[in-house]
Amino acid sequence: MAESPPAPPYARFLGHWELDPASCRYEQGDPPALGQYIIREEVGLLVFDMAWTDKAGDAHTASFSGKADGVAVPFEGTDLIDSFVITAESPSELNSSAYLKGEKLMQATRTLIDDETMRIVQTVYLPDGSAPSNRSVYYKRG
């Protein structure tokens, strides 16, 4: 009988996550009133689907995908970044970083506190050398 391949290092992150709005500690911008995060696999890629509602009640969505191999790949659709990297640092840490002309502009660090709780710290690297971070906690819903 053939053995199953080992689970990828990011396997515990897969699923549907719901924001705990009370957990938000933002240094830049306003925290959302509601939010959902879905991390899934699709044809060899790791897909991140995000949806949130801002304080004014307006709905927003964003999505990106790539291999969690630490290799920079081109990113199209915005002039703000031209490449990004997804890195599965360990079974409890999954990161993504965005770059413009080789300079890191943003990093999102996802850390599992336990199998049901994920902390996300998003840091933006600004031209003045400052690096404000937004912190939030999500709970697994499926």
Protein backbone atom coordinates (compact mmCIF):
# COMPACT_ATOMS: atom_id res chain seq x y z
CA MET A 1 0.00 0.00 0.00
CA ALA A 2 1.40 3.40 -1.00
CA GLU A 3 2.03 5.96 1.69
CA SER A 4 0.23 9.28 1.54
CA PRO A 5 2.49 12.23 0.79
CA PRO A 6 3.30 14.33 3.85
CA ALA A 7 1.03 17.29 4.54
CA PRO A 8 2.46 20.60 3.33
CA PRO A 9 3.93 22.81 6.08
CA TYR A 10 1.01 25.25 5.71
CA ALA A 11 -1.73 22.58 6.05
CA ARG A 12 -2.97 23.86 9.44
CA PHE A 13 -3.67 27.28 7.88
CA LEU A 14 -6.11 25.91 5.31
CA GLY A 15 -9.73 26.79 6.00
CA HIS A 16 -12.18 29.59 6.66
CA TRP A 17 -11.17 32.16 9.27
CA GLU A 18 -13.30 34.89 10.84
CA LEU A 19 -11.95 38.16 12.25
CA ASP A 20 -12.35 39.04 15.91
CA PRO A 21 -12.87 42.83 15.46
CA ALA A 22 -12.11 43.49 19.13
CA SER A 23 -8.60 42.07 18.60
CA CYS A 24 -7.58 44.68 16.00
CA ARG A 25 -4.69 46.96 16.89
CA TYR A 26 -4.00 49.18 13.87
CA GLU A 27 -1.14 51.68 13.55
CA GLN A 28 -2.16 52.57 9.99
CA GLY A 29 -5.72 53.02 8.72
CA ASP A 30 -8.95 51.96 10.39
CA PRO A 31 -9.63 48.36 11.37
CA PRO A 32 -12.51 46.58 9.64
CA ALA A 33 -15.87 46.06 11.31
CA LEU A 34 -16.04 42.47 9.95
CA GLY A 35 -13.64 40.23 8.09
CA GLN A 36 -13.15 36.77 6.66
CA TYR A 37 -10.04 35.03 5.41
CA ILE A 38 -10.05 31.84 3.37
CA ILE A 39 -6.82 29.99 2.71
CA ARG A 40 -7.13 27.09 0.27
CA GLU A 41 -5.18 24.99 -2.21
CA GLU A 42 -5.99 25.04 -5.90
CA VAL A 43 -3.99 23.23 -8.60
CA GLY A 44 -0.68 23.38 -6.76
CA LEU A 45 -1.16 26.96 -5.54
CA LEU A 46 -1.98 28.43 -2.17
CA VAL A 47 -4.93 30.84 -2.55
CA PHE A 48 -5.75 33.66 -0.14
CA ASP A 49 -9.28 35.11 -0.39
CA MET A 50 -10.10 38.05 1.88
CA ALA A 51 -13.37 39.87 2.42
CA TRP A 52 -14.05 42.67 4.89
CA THR A 53 -16.54 45.35 5.73
CA ASP A 54 -15.20 48.74 6.76
CA LYS A 55 -16.61 50.95 9.53
CA ALA A 56 -18.81 52.77 6.96
CA GLY A 57 -20.41 49.46 5.94
CA ASP A 58 -18.71 49.17 2.55
CA ALA A 59 -17.69 45.66 1.45
CA HIS A 60 -14.22 44.91 0.02
CA THR A 61 -12.49 41.82 -1.36
CA ALA A 62 -8.96 40.88 -2.36
CA SER A 63 -7.32 37.66 -3.49
CA PHE A 64 -3.88 36.41 -4.44
CA SER A 65 -2.27 33.04 -5.00
CA GLY A 66 1.11 31.45 -5.44
CA LYS A 67 3.40 28.66 -4.35
CA ALA A 68 4.58 28.71 -0.75
CA ASP A 69 8.17 28.17 -1.85
CA GLY A 70 9.86 31.45 -0.91
CA VAL A 71 10.47 32.38 -4.55
CA ALA A 72 9.49 35.86 -5.80
CA VAL A 73 6.96 35.82 -8.63
CA PRO A 74 5.59 38.68 -10.75
CA PHE A 75 2.41 40.36 -9.55
CA GLU A 76 0.12 42.16 -11.98
CA GLY A 77 -2.92 44.35 -11.50
CA THR A 78 -1.43 47.24 -9.55
CA ASP A 79 1.41 49.73 -9.94
CA LEU A 80 2.10 49.54 -6.19
CA ILE A 81 3.94 46.19 -6.28
CA ASP A 82 5.55 44.12 -9.01
CA SER A 83 6.34 40.85 -7.21
CA PHE A 84 5.48 38.86 -4.12
CA VAL A 85 6.72 35.88 -2.14
CA ILE A 86 4.83 33.31 -0.05
CA THR A 87 6.90 31.41 2.51
CA ALA A 88 5.80 28.57 4.79
CA GLU A 89 8.33 29.22 7.54
CA SER A 90 7.02 26.37 9.73
CA PRO A 91 3.75 24.53 10.43
CA SER A 92 2.74 27.52 12.57
CA GLU A 93 4.05 30.47 10.48
CA LEU A 94 3.00 31.45 6.96
CA ASN A 95 4.27 34.71 5.47
CA SER A 96 3.80 36.78 2.35
CA SER A 97 5.79 39.79 1.24
CA ALA A 98 5.23 42.35 -1.52
CA TYR A 99 8.01 44.10 -3.44
CA LEU A 100 8.49 46.94 -5.87
CA LYS A 101 11.74 46.97 -7.88
CA GLY A 102 13.32 44.58 -5.37
CA GLU A 103 12.43 46.64 -2.29
CA LYS A 104 10.17 45.04 0.32
CA LEU A 105 7.10 47.22 0.83
CA MET A 106 4.85 44.97 2.90
CA GLN A 107 4.92 41.76 4.91
CA ALA A 108 2.07 39.75 6.38
CA THR A 109 3.04 37.27 9.08
CA ARG A 110 0.40 34.68 9.91
CA THR A 111 1.04 32.78 13.13
CA LEU A 112 -1.05 29.97 14.56
CA ILE A 113 -1.56 30.39 18.28
CA ASP A 114 -3.31 26.99 18.19
CA ASP A 115 -5.25 25.10 15.52
CA GLU A 116 -8.25 27.43 15.91
CA THR A 117 -6.56 30.84 16.37
CA MET A 118 -4.46 32.77 13.83
CA ARG A 119 -2.74 36.09 14.48
CA ILE A 120 -1.92 38.26 11.48
CA VAL A 121 0.59 41.11 11.64
CA GLN A 122 0.74 43.26 8.51
CA THR A 123 3.69 45.63 8.34
CA VAL A 124 4.16 48.35 5.73
CA TYR A 125 7.66 49.71 5.08
CA LEU A 126 7.33 53.43 4.33
CA PRO A 127 9.87 55.68 2.53
CA ASP A 128 10.55 57.62 5.75
CA GLY A 129 11.89 54.45 7.38
CA SER A 130 8.86 53.89 9.59
CA ALA A 131 7.11 50.50 9.60
CA PRO A 132 3.58 50.68 11.03
CA SER A 133 1.93 47.34 11.79
CA ASN A 134 -1.68 46.24 11.96
CA ARG A 135 -2.47 43.29 14.20
CA SER A 136 -5.60 41.13 14.26
CA VAL A 137 -6.79 37.71 15.38
CA TYR A 138 -8.92 35.29 13.37
CA TYR A 139 -10.77 32.19 14.58
CA LYS A 140 -11.20 29.10 12.40
CA ARG A 141 -14.77 28.47 11.27
CA GLY A 142 -14.27 25.52 8.98
